Amino acid sequence: MDLIMKMVPDLVLMDINIKGDIDGIETARMIKQRISIPIVYLTSYSDEATLDRVNETHPDGFVIKPFEDNQLRVAIDIALKKCASR
């Protein structure tokens, strides 16, 4: 989290299953509370309960693994354009 706050990247590509005490959804929630940055989830989790939690974080994109390179590129492009127009 500290690294993201120092670097302030253009976009965060977030997996739901990450190392540590909290998952990617909670991490994304914490990031969005501190800075306005687009977050695109890249994950193999797509069950209803997970999607409900993801939607609460107002993601800028969601790509399900396995994916085609083009799917990820389009999701990132849309997220960056969406953020630029805010």
PDB file of N, CA and C in Angstrom:
ATOM      1  N   MET A   1       0.823  -1.193   0.000  1.00  0.00           N
ATOM      2  CA  MET A   1       0.000   0.000   0.000  1.00  0.00           C
ATOM      3  C   MET A   1       0.867   1.256   0.000  1.00  0.00           C
ATOM      4  N   ASP A   2       1.907   1.236   0.816  1.00  0.00           N
ATOM      5  CA  ASP A   2       2.790   2.406   0.891  1.00  0.00           C
ATOM      6  C   ASP A   2       3.440   2.694  -0.452  1.00  0.00           C
ATOM      7  N   LEU A   3       3.830   1.639  -1.165  1.00  0.00           N
ATOM      8  CA  LEU A   3       4.478   1.809  -2.460  1.00  0.00           C
ATOM      9  C   LEU A   3       3.533   2.473  -3.459  1.00  0.00           C
ATOM     10  N   ILE A   4       2.282   2.070  -3.465  1.00  0.00           N
ATOM     11  CA  ILE A   4       1.294   2.676  -4.363  1.00  0.00           C
ATOM     12  C   ILE A   4       1.114   4.150  -4.028  1.00  0.00           C
ATOM     13  N   MET A   5       1.070   4.468  -2.751  1.00  0.00           N
ATOM     14  CA  MET A   5       0.883   5.859  -2.338  1.00  0.00           C
ATOM     15  C   MET A   5       2.090   6.715  -2.726  1.00  0.00           C
ATOM     16  N   LYS A   6       3.290   6.154  -2.711  1.00  0.00           N
ATOM     17  CA  LYS A   6       4.490   6.893  -3.088  1.00  0.00           C
ATOM     18  C   LYS A   6       4.604   7.052  -4.601  1.00  0.00           C
ATOM     19  N   MET A   7       4.306   5.972  -5.334  1.00  0.00           N
ATOM     20  CA  MET A   7       4.501   5.978  -6.783  1.00  0.00           C
ATOM     21  C   MET A   7       3.332   6.597  -7.549  1.00  0.00           C
ATOM     22  N   VAL A   8       2.123   6.441  -7.024  1.00  0.00           N
ATOM     23  CA  VAL A   8       0.882   6.868  -7.668  1.00  0.00           C
ATOM     24  C   VAL A   8       0.900   6.490  -9.169  1.00  0.00           C
ATOM     25  N   PRO A   9       0.751   5.195  -9.441  1.00  0.00           N
ATOM     26  CA  PRO A   9       0.759   4.742 -10.831  1.00  0.00           C
ATOM     27  C   PRO A   9      -0.479   5.220 -11.581  1.00  0.00           C
ATOM     28  N   ASP A  10      -0.464   5.084 -12.896  1.00  0.00           N
ATOM     29  CA  ASP A  10      -1.612   5.478 -13.715  1.00  0.00           C
ATOM     30  C   ASP A  10      -2.787   4.541 -13.536  1.00  0.00           C
ATOM     31  N   LEU A  11      -2.505   3.280 -13.158  1.00  0.00           N
ATOM     32  CA  LEU A  11      -3.547   2.266 -13.053  1.00  0.00           C
ATOM     33  C   LEU A  11      -3.036   1.149 -12.159  1.00  0.00           C
ATOM     34  N   VAL A  12      -3.956   0.490 -11.459  1.00  0.00           N
ATOM     35  CA  VAL A  12      -3.611  -0.683 -10.664  1.00  0.00           C
ATOM     36  C   VAL A  12      -4.309  -1.888 -11.280  1.00  0.00           C
ATOM     37  N   LEU A  13      -3.522  -2.909 -11.591  1.00  0.00           N
ATOM     38  CA  LEU A  13      -4.040  -4.183 -12.065  1.00  0.00           C
ATOM     39  C   LEU A  13      -4.050  -5.100 -10.846  1.00  0.00           C
ATOM     40  N   MET A  14      -5.248  -5.450 -10.366  1.00  0.00           N
ATOM     41  CA  MET A  14      -5.387  -6.108  -9.071  1.00  0.00           C
ATOM     42  C   MET A  14      -5.951  -7.517  -9.198  1.00  0.00           C
ATOM     43  N   ASP A  15      -5.233  -8.470  -8.610  1.00  0.00           N
ATOM     44  CA  ASP A  15      -5.774  -9.817  -8.480  1.00  0.00           C
ATOM     45  C   ASP A  15      -6.555  -9.866  -7.176  1.00  0.00           C
ATOM     46  N   ILE A  16      -7.516 -10.731  -7.079  1.00  0.00           N
ATOM     47  CA  ILE A  16      -8.293 -10.839  -5.842  1.00  0.00           C
ATOM     48  C   ILE A  16      -7.535 -11.657  -4.814  1.00  0.00           C
ATOM     49  N   ASN A  17      -6.856 -12.692  -5.267  1.00  0.00           N
ATOM     50  CA  ASN A  17      -6.101 -13.551  -4.368  1.00  0.00           C
ATOM     51  C   ASN A  17      -4.658 -13.055  -4.314  1.00  0.00           C
ATOM     52  N   ILE A  18      -4.318 -12.328  -3.247  1.00  0.00           N
ATOM     53  CA  ILE A  18      -2.970 -11.795  -3.086  1.00  0.00           C
ATOM     54  C   ILE A  18      -2.399 -12.223  -1.736  1.00  0.00           C
ATOM     55  N   LYS A  19      -1.089 -12.127  -1.609  1.00  0.00           N
ATOM     56  CA  LYS A  19      -0.433 -12.446  -0.347  1.00  0.00           C
ATOM     57  C   LYS A  19      -0.796 -11.415   0.713  1.00  0.00           C
ATOM     58  N   GLY A  20      -0.862 -11.871   1.945  1.00  0.00           N
ATOM     59  CA  GLY A  20      -1.092 -10.942   3.039  1.00  0.00           C
ATOM     60  C   GLY A  20      -2.388 -11.223   3.774  1.00  0.00           C
ATOM     61  N   ASP A  21      -2.670 -10.339   4.700  1.00  0.00           N
ATOM     62  CA  ASP A  21      -3.832 -10.516   5.567  1.00  0.00           C
ATOM     63  C   ASP A  21      -5.147 -10.116   4.910  1.00  0.00           C
ATOM     64  N   ILE A  22      -5.089  -9.297   3.862  1.00  0.00           N
ATOM     65  CA  ILE A  22      -6.317  -8.864   3.191  1.00  0.00           C
ATOM     66  C   ILE A  22      -6.250  -9.245   1.712  1.00  0.00           C
ATOM     67  N   ASP A  23      -7.403  -9.387   1.100  1.00  0.00           N
ATOM     68  CA  ASP A  23      -7.429  -9.770  -0.314  1.00  0.00           C
ATOM     69  C   ASP A  23      -7.382  -8.533  -1.214  1.00  0.00           C
ATOM     70  N   GLY A  24      -7.368  -8.774  -2.511  1.00  0.00           N
ATOM     71  CA  GLY A  24      -7.272  -7.691  -3.468  1.00  0.00           C
ATOM     72  C   GLY A  24      -8.469  -6.754  -3.452  1.00  0.00           C
ATOM     73  N   ILE A  25      -9.632  -7.271  -3.111  1.00  0.00           N
ATOM     74  CA  ILE A  25     -10.830  -6.428  -3.059  1.00  0.00           C
ATOM     75  C   ILE A  25     -10.697  -5.400  -1.941  1.00  0.00           C
ATOM     76  N   GLU A  26     -10.272  -5.860  -0.785  1.00  0.00           N
ATOM     77  CA  GLU A  26     -10.100  -4.932   0.344  1.00  0.00           C
ATOM     78  C   GLU A  26      -8.950  -3.963   0.065  1.00  0.00           C
ATOM     79  N   THR A  27      -7.902  -4.446  -0.571  1.00  0.00           N
ATOM     80  CA  THR A  27      -6.787  -3.576  -0.939  1.00  0.00           C
ATOM     81  C   THR A  27      -7.259  -2.489  -1.900  1.00  0.00           C
ATOM     82  N   ALA A  28      -8.055  -2.875  -2.901  1.00  0.00           N
ATOM     83  CA  ALA A  28      -8.593  -1.900  -3.853  1.00  0.00           C
ATOM     84  C   ALA A  28      -9.461  -0.867  -3.140  1.00  0.00           C
ATOM     85  N   ARG A  29     -10.254  -1.316  -2.196  1.00  0.00           N
ATOM     86  CA  ARG A  29     -11.106  -0.400  -1.427  1.00  0.00           C
ATOM     87  C   ARG A  29     -10.250   0.627  -0.683  1.00  0.00           C
ATOM     88  N   MET A  30      -9.168   0.166  -0.087  1.00  0.00           N
ATOM     89  CA  MET A  30      -8.278   1.064   0.658  1.00  0.00           C
ATOM     90  C   MET A  30      -7.586   2.053  -0.277  1.00  0.00           C
ATOM     91  N   ILE A  31      -7.182   1.589  -1.444  1.00  0.00           N
ATOM     92  CA  ILE A  31      -6.539   2.476  -2.420  1.00  0.00           C
ATOM     93  C   ILE A  31      -7.512   3.557  -2.852  1.00  0.00           C
ATOM     94  N   LYS A  32      -8.725   3.157  -3.223  1.00  0.00           N
ATOM     95  CA  LYS A  32      -9.722   4.118  -3.709  1.00  0.00           C
ATOM     96  C   LYS A  32     -10.116   5.141  -2.641  1.00  0.00           C
ATOM     97  N   GLN A  33     -10.023   4.774  -1.373  1.00  0.00           N
ATOM     98  CA  GLN A  33     -10.332   5.718  -0.296  1.00  0.00           C
ATOM     99  C   GLN A  33      -9.272   6.810  -0.196  1.00  0.00           C
ATOM    100  N   ARG A  34      -8.051   6.499  -0.634  1.00  0.00           N
ATOM    101  CA  ARG A  34      -6.941   7.440  -0.486  1.00  0.00           C
ATOM    102  C   ARG A  34      -6.638   8.241  -1.745  1.00  0.00           C
ATOM    103  N   ILE A  35      -6.714   7.594  -2.904  1.00  0.00           N
ATOM    104  CA  ILE A  35      -6.387   8.288  -4.153  1.00  0.00           C
ATOM    105  C   ILE A  35      -7.350   7.875  -5.261  1.00  0.00           C
ATOM    106  N   SER A  36      -7.527   8.756  -6.196  1.00  0.00           N
ATOM    107  CA  SER A  36      -8.386   8.478  -7.348  1.00  0.00           C
ATOM    108  C   SER A  36      -7.518   7.844  -8.435  1.00  0.00           C
ATOM    109  N   ILE A  37      -7.624   6.554  -8.575  1.00  0.00           N
ATOM    110  CA  ILE A  37      -6.821   5.816  -9.537  1.00  0.00           C
ATOM    111  C   ILE A  37      -7.661   4.677 -10.098  1.00  0.00           C
ATOM    112  N   PRO A  38      -7.592   4.430 -11.396  1.00  0.00           N
ATOM    113  CA  PRO A  38      -8.370   3.331 -11.956  1.00  0.00           C
ATOM    114  C   PRO A  38      -7.830   1.973 -11.493  1.00  0.00           C
ATOM    115  N   ILE A  39      -8.748   1.090 -11.186  1.00  0.00           N
ATOM    116  CA  ILE A  39      -8.390  -0.266 -10.770  1.00  0.00           C
ATOM    117  C   ILE A  39      -9.102  -1.251 -11.685  1.00  0.00           C
ATOM    118  N   VAL A  40      -8.313  -2.148 -12.255  1.00  0.00           N
ATOM    119  CA  VAL A  40      -8.827  -3.222 -13.105  1.00  0.00           C
ATOM    120  C   VAL A  40      -8.499  -4.536 -12.403  1.00  0.00           C
ATOM    121  N   TYR A  41      -9.519  -5.333 -12.149  1.00  0.00           N
ATOM    122  CA  TYR A  41      -9.314  -6.648 -11.553  1.00  0.00           C
ATOM    123  C   TYR A  41      -8.956  -7.645 -12.642  1.00  0.00           C
ATOM    124  N   LEU A  42      -7.987  -8.496 -12.346  1.00  0.00           N
ATOM    125  CA  LEU A  42      -7.577  -9.587 -13.214  1.00  0.00           C
ATOM    126  C   LEU A  42      -7.569 -10.821 -12.331  1.00  0.00           C
ATOM    127  N   THR A  43      -8.553 -11.708 -12.519  1.00  0.00           N
ATOM    128  CA  THR A  43      -8.727 -12.788 -11.559  1.00  0.00           C
ATOM    129  C   THR A  43      -9.437 -13.986 -12.161  1.00  0.00           C
ATOM    130  N   SER A  44      -9.346 -15.104 -11.486  1.00  0.00           N
ATOM    131  CA  SER A  44     -10.083 -16.290 -11.899  1.00  0.00           C
ATOM    132  C   SER A  44     -11.354 -16.463 -11.065  1.00  0.00           C
ATOM    133  N   TYR A  45     -11.561 -15.571 -10.125  1.00  0.00           N
ATOM    134  CA  TYR A  45     -12.744 -15.639  -9.261  1.00  0.00           C
ATOM    135  C   TYR A  45     -13.899 -14.859  -9.886  1.00  0.00           C
ATOM    136  N   SER A  46     -15.002 -15.545 -10.134  1.00  0.00           N
ATOM    137  CA  SER A  46     -16.153 -14.858 -10.725  1.00  0.00           C
ATOM    138  C   SER A  46     -17.474 -15.345 -10.141  1.00  0.00           C
ATOM    139  N   ASP A  47     -17.430 -15.901  -8.934  1.00  0.00           N
ATOM    140  CA  ASP A  47     -18.669 -16.333  -8.289  1.00  0.00           C
ATOM    141  C   ASP A  47     -19.471 -15.107  -7.859  1.00  0.00           C
ATOM    142  N   GLU A  48     -20.734 -15.309  -7.623  1.00  0.00           N
ATOM    143  CA  GLU A  48     -21.660 -14.211  -7.329  1.00  0.00           C
ATOM    144  C   GLU A  48     -21.244 -13.396  -6.104  1.00  0.00           C
ATOM    145  N   ALA A  49     -20.841 -14.067  -5.038  1.00  0.00           N
ATOM    146  CA  ALA A  49     -20.450 -13.354  -3.813  1.00  0.00           C
ATOM    147  C   ALA A  49     -19.213 -12.491  -4.058  1.00  0.00           C
ATOM    148  N   THR A  50     -18.256 -13.007  -4.801  1.00  0.00           N
ATOM    149  CA  THR A  50     -17.053 -12.241  -5.118  1.00  0.00           C
ATOM    150  C   THR A  50     -17.396 -11.043  -5.984  1.00  0.00           C
ATOM    151  N   LEU A  51     -18.217 -11.253  -7.002  1.00  0.00           N
ATOM    152  CA  LEU A  51     -18.608 -10.152  -7.886  1.00  0.00           C
ATOM    153  C   LEU A  51     -19.360  -9.066  -7.125  1.00  0.00           C
ATOM    154  N   ASP A  52     -20.185  -9.451  -6.161  1.00  0.00           N
ATOM    155  CA  ASP A  52     -20.883  -8.462  -5.331  1.00  0.00           C
ATOM    156  C   ASP A  52     -19.879  -7.606  -4.562  1.00  0.00           C
ATOM    157  N   ARG A  53     -18.853  -8.246  -3.989  1.00  0.00           N
ATOM    158  CA  ARG A  53     -17.825  -7.493  -3.251  1.00  0.00           C
ATOM    159  C   ARG A  53     -17.022  -6.600  -4.188  1.00  0.00           C
ATOM    160  N   VAL A  54     -16.686  -7.113  -5.365  1.00  0.00           N
ATOM    161  CA  VAL A  54     -15.939  -6.330  -6.353  1.00  0.00           C
ATOM    162  C   VAL A  54     -16.732  -5.096  -6.746  1.00  0.00           C
ATOM    163  N   ASN A  55     -18.008  -5.255  -7.029  1.00  0.00           N
ATOM    164  CA  ASN A  55     -18.843  -4.133  -7.459  1.00  0.00           C
ATOM    165  C   ASN A  55     -18.928  -3.032  -6.409  1.00  0.00           C
ATOM    166  N   GLU A  56     -18.812  -3.380  -5.147  1.00  0.00           N
ATOM    167  CA  GLU A  56     -18.834  -2.371  -4.080  1.00  0.00           C
ATOM    168  C   GLU A  56     -17.637  -1.424  -4.166  1.00  0.00           C
ATOM    169  N   THR A  57     -16.560  -1.846  -4.845  1.00  0.00           N
ATOM    170  CA  THR A  57     -15.361  -1.008  -4.959  1.00  0.00           C
ATOM    171  C   THR A  57     -15.385  -0.149  -6.220  1.00  0.00           C
ATOM    172  N   HIS A  58     -16.449  -0.240  -7.010  1.00  0.00           N
ATOM    173  CA  HIS A  58     -16.598   0.540  -8.243  1.00  0.00           C
ATOM    174  C   HIS A  58     -15.372   0.398  -9.155  1.00  0.00           C
ATOM    175  N   PRO A  59     -15.112  -0.844  -9.598  1.00  0.00           N
ATOM    176  CA  PRO A  59     -13.925  -1.072 -10.429  1.00  0.00           C
ATOM    177  C   PRO A  59     -14.049  -0.399 -11.791  1.00  0.00           C
ATOM    178  N   ASP A  60     -12.922  -0.153 -12.389  1.00  0.00           N
ATOM    179  CA  ASP A  60     -12.884   0.437 -13.725  1.00  0.00           C
ATOM    180  C   ASP A  60     -12.750  -0.635 -14.791  1.00  0.00           C
ATOM    181  N   GLY A  61     -12.596  -1.876 -14.371  1.00  0.00           N
ATOM    182  CA  GLY A  61     -12.523  -2.990 -15.306  1.00  0.00           C
ATOM    183  C   GLY A  61     -12.433  -4.302 -14.558  1.00  0.00           C
ATOM    184  N   PHE A  62     -12.767  -5.387 -15.268  1.00  0.00           N
ATOM    185  CA  PHE A  62     -12.746  -6.726 -14.674  1.00  0.00           C
ATOM    186  C   PHE A  62     -12.459  -7.712 -15.792  1.00  0.00           C
ATOM    187  N   VAL A  63     -11.379  -8.465 -15.663  1.00  0.00           N
ATOM    188  CA  VAL A  63     -10.992  -9.448 -16.668  1.00  0.00           C
ATOM    189  C   VAL A  63     -10.838 -10.791 -15.965  1.00  0.00           C
ATOM    190  N   ILE A  64     -11.477 -11.815 -16.531  1.00  0.00           N
ATOM    191  CA  ILE A  64     -11.440 -13.150 -15.931  1.00  0.00           C
ATOM    192  C   ILE A  64     -10.357 -13.989 -16.599  1.00  0.00           C
ATOM    193  N   LYS A  65      -9.539 -14.628 -15.762  1.00  0.00           N
ATOM    194  CA  LYS A  65      -8.511 -15.547 -16.246  1.00  0.00           C
ATOM    195  C   LYS A  65      -9.171 -16.861 -16.648  1.00  0.00           C
ATOM    196  N   PRO A  66      -8.695 -17.554 -17.628  1.00  0.00           N
ATOM    197  CA  PRO A  66      -7.672 -17.141 -18.577  1.00  0.00           C
ATOM    198  C   PRO A  66      -8.245 -16.083 -19.520  1.00  0.00           C
ATOM    199  N   PHE A  67      -7.382 -15.277 -20.065  1.00  0.00           N
ATOM    200  CA  PHE A  67      -7.833 -14.178 -20.907  1.00  0.00           C
ATOM    201  C   PHE A  67      -6.959 -14.080 -22.145  1.00  0.00           C
ATOM    202  N   GLU A  68      -7.473 -13.414 -23.140  1.00  0.00           N
ATOM    203  CA  GLU A  68      -6.709 -13.095 -24.341  1.00  0.00           C
ATOM    204  C   GLU A  68      -6.021 -11.755 -24.091  1.00  0.00           C
ATOM    205  N   ASP A  69      -4.846 -11.578 -24.643  1.00  0.00           N
ATOM    206  CA  ASP A  69      -4.111 -10.317 -24.470  1.00  0.00           C
ATOM    207  C   ASP A  69      -4.964  -9.112 -24.840  1.00  0.00           C
ATOM    208  N   ASN A  70      -5.733  -9.257 -25.890  1.00  0.00           N
ATOM    209  CA  ASN A  70      -6.573  -8.158 -26.364  1.00  0.00           C
ATOM    210  C   ASN A  70      -7.625  -7.756 -25.324  1.00  0.00           C
ATOM    211  N   GLN A  71      -8.164  -8.726 -24.601  1.00  0.00           N
ATOM    212  CA  GLN A  71      -9.166  -8.427 -23.573  1.00  0.00           C
ATOM    213  C   GLN A  71      -8.566  -7.546 -22.476  1.00  0.00           C
ATOM    214  N   LEU A  72      -7.369  -7.873 -22.065  1.00  0.00           N
ATOM    215  CA  LEU A  72      -6.712  -7.092 -21.022  1.00  0.00           C
ATOM    216  C   LEU A  72      -6.354  -5.704 -21.541  1.00  0.00           C
ATOM    217  N   ARG A  73      -5.848  -5.631 -22.754  1.00  0.00           N
ATOM    218  CA  ARG A  73      -5.473  -4.335 -23.339  1.00  0.00           C
ATOM    219  C   ARG A  73      -6.678  -3.417 -23.437  1.00  0.00           C
ATOM    220  N   VAL A  74      -7.810  -3.957 -23.879  1.00  0.00           N
ATOM    221  CA  VAL A  74      -9.028  -3.152 -24.014  1.00  0.00           C
ATOM    222  C   VAL A  74      -9.519  -2.693 -22.641  1.00  0.00           C
ATOM    223  N   ALA A  75      -9.500  -3.577 -21.644  1.00  0.00           N
ATOM    224  CA  ALA A  75      -9.951  -3.202 -20.297  1.00  0.00           C
ATOM    225  C   ALA A  75      -9.088  -2.081 -19.717  1.00  0.00           C
ATOM    226  N   ILE A  76      -7.784  -2.169 -19.918  1.00  0.00           N
ATOM    227  CA  ILE A  76      -6.881  -1.132 -19.422  1.00  0.00           C
ATOM    228  C   ILE A  76      -7.106   0.175 -20.166  1.00  0.00           C
ATOM    229  N   ASP A  77      -7.247   0.101 -21.481  1.00  0.00           N
ATOM    230  CA  ASP A  77      -7.472   1.299 -22.288  1.00  0.00           C
ATOM    231  C   ASP A  77      -8.754   2.019 -21.869  1.00  0.00           C
ATOM    232  N   ILE A  78      -9.823   1.268 -21.687  1.00  0.00           N
ATOM    233  CA  ILE A  78     -11.104   1.862 -21.276  1.00  0.00           C
ATOM    234  C   ILE A  78     -10.975   2.493 -19.889  1.00  0.00           C
ATOM    235  N   ALA A  79     -10.312   1.800 -18.964  1.00  0.00           N
ATOM    236  CA  ALA A  79     -10.157   2.322 -17.604  1.00  0.00           C
ATOM    237  C   ALA A  79      -9.373   3.631 -17.601  1.00  0.00           C
ATOM    238  N   LEU A  80      -8.303   3.687 -18.373  1.00  0.00           N
ATOM    239  CA  LEU A  80      -7.505   4.912 -18.422  1.00  0.00           C
ATOM    240  C   LEU A  80      -8.278   6.078 -19.051  1.00  0.00           C
ATOM    241  N   LYS A  81      -9.031   5.789 -20.103  1.00  0.00           N
ATOM    242  CA  LYS A  81      -9.837   6.840 -20.742  1.00  0.00           C
ATOM    243  C   LYS A  81     -10.959   7.305 -19.827  1.00  0.00           C
ATOM    244  N   LYS A  82     -11.566   6.363 -19.134  1.00  0.00           N
ATOM    245  CA  LYS A  82     -12.640   6.687 -18.196  1.00  0.00           C
ATOM    246  C   LYS A  82     -12.117   7.598 -17.082  1.00  0.00           C
ATOM    247  N   CYS A  83     -10.942   7.292 -16.582  1.00  0.00           N
ATOM    248  CA  CYS A  83     -10.340   8.095 -15.511  1.00  0.00           C
ATOM    249  C   CYS A  83      -9.946   9.484 -16.015  1.00  0.00           C
ATOM    250  N   ALA A  84      -9.447   9.559 -17.227  1.00  0.00           N
ATOM    251  CA  ALA A  84      -9.019  10.846 -17.792  1.00  0.00           C
ATOM    252  C   ALA A  84     -10.180  11.792 -17.987  1.00  0.00           C
ATOM    253  N   SER A  85     -11.377  11.244 -18.192  1.00  0.00           N
ATOM    254  CA  SER A  85     -12.550  12.095 -18.448  1.00  0.00           C
ATOM    255  C   SER A  85     -13.243  12.532 -17.155  1.00  0.00           C
ATOM    256  N   ARG A  86     -12.761  12.087 -16.013  1.00  0.00           N
ATOM    257  CA  ARG A  86     -13.379  12.464 -14.730  1.00  0.00           C
ATOM    258  C   ARG A  86     -12.996  13.865 -14.346  1.00  0.00           C
TER     259      ARG A  86
END
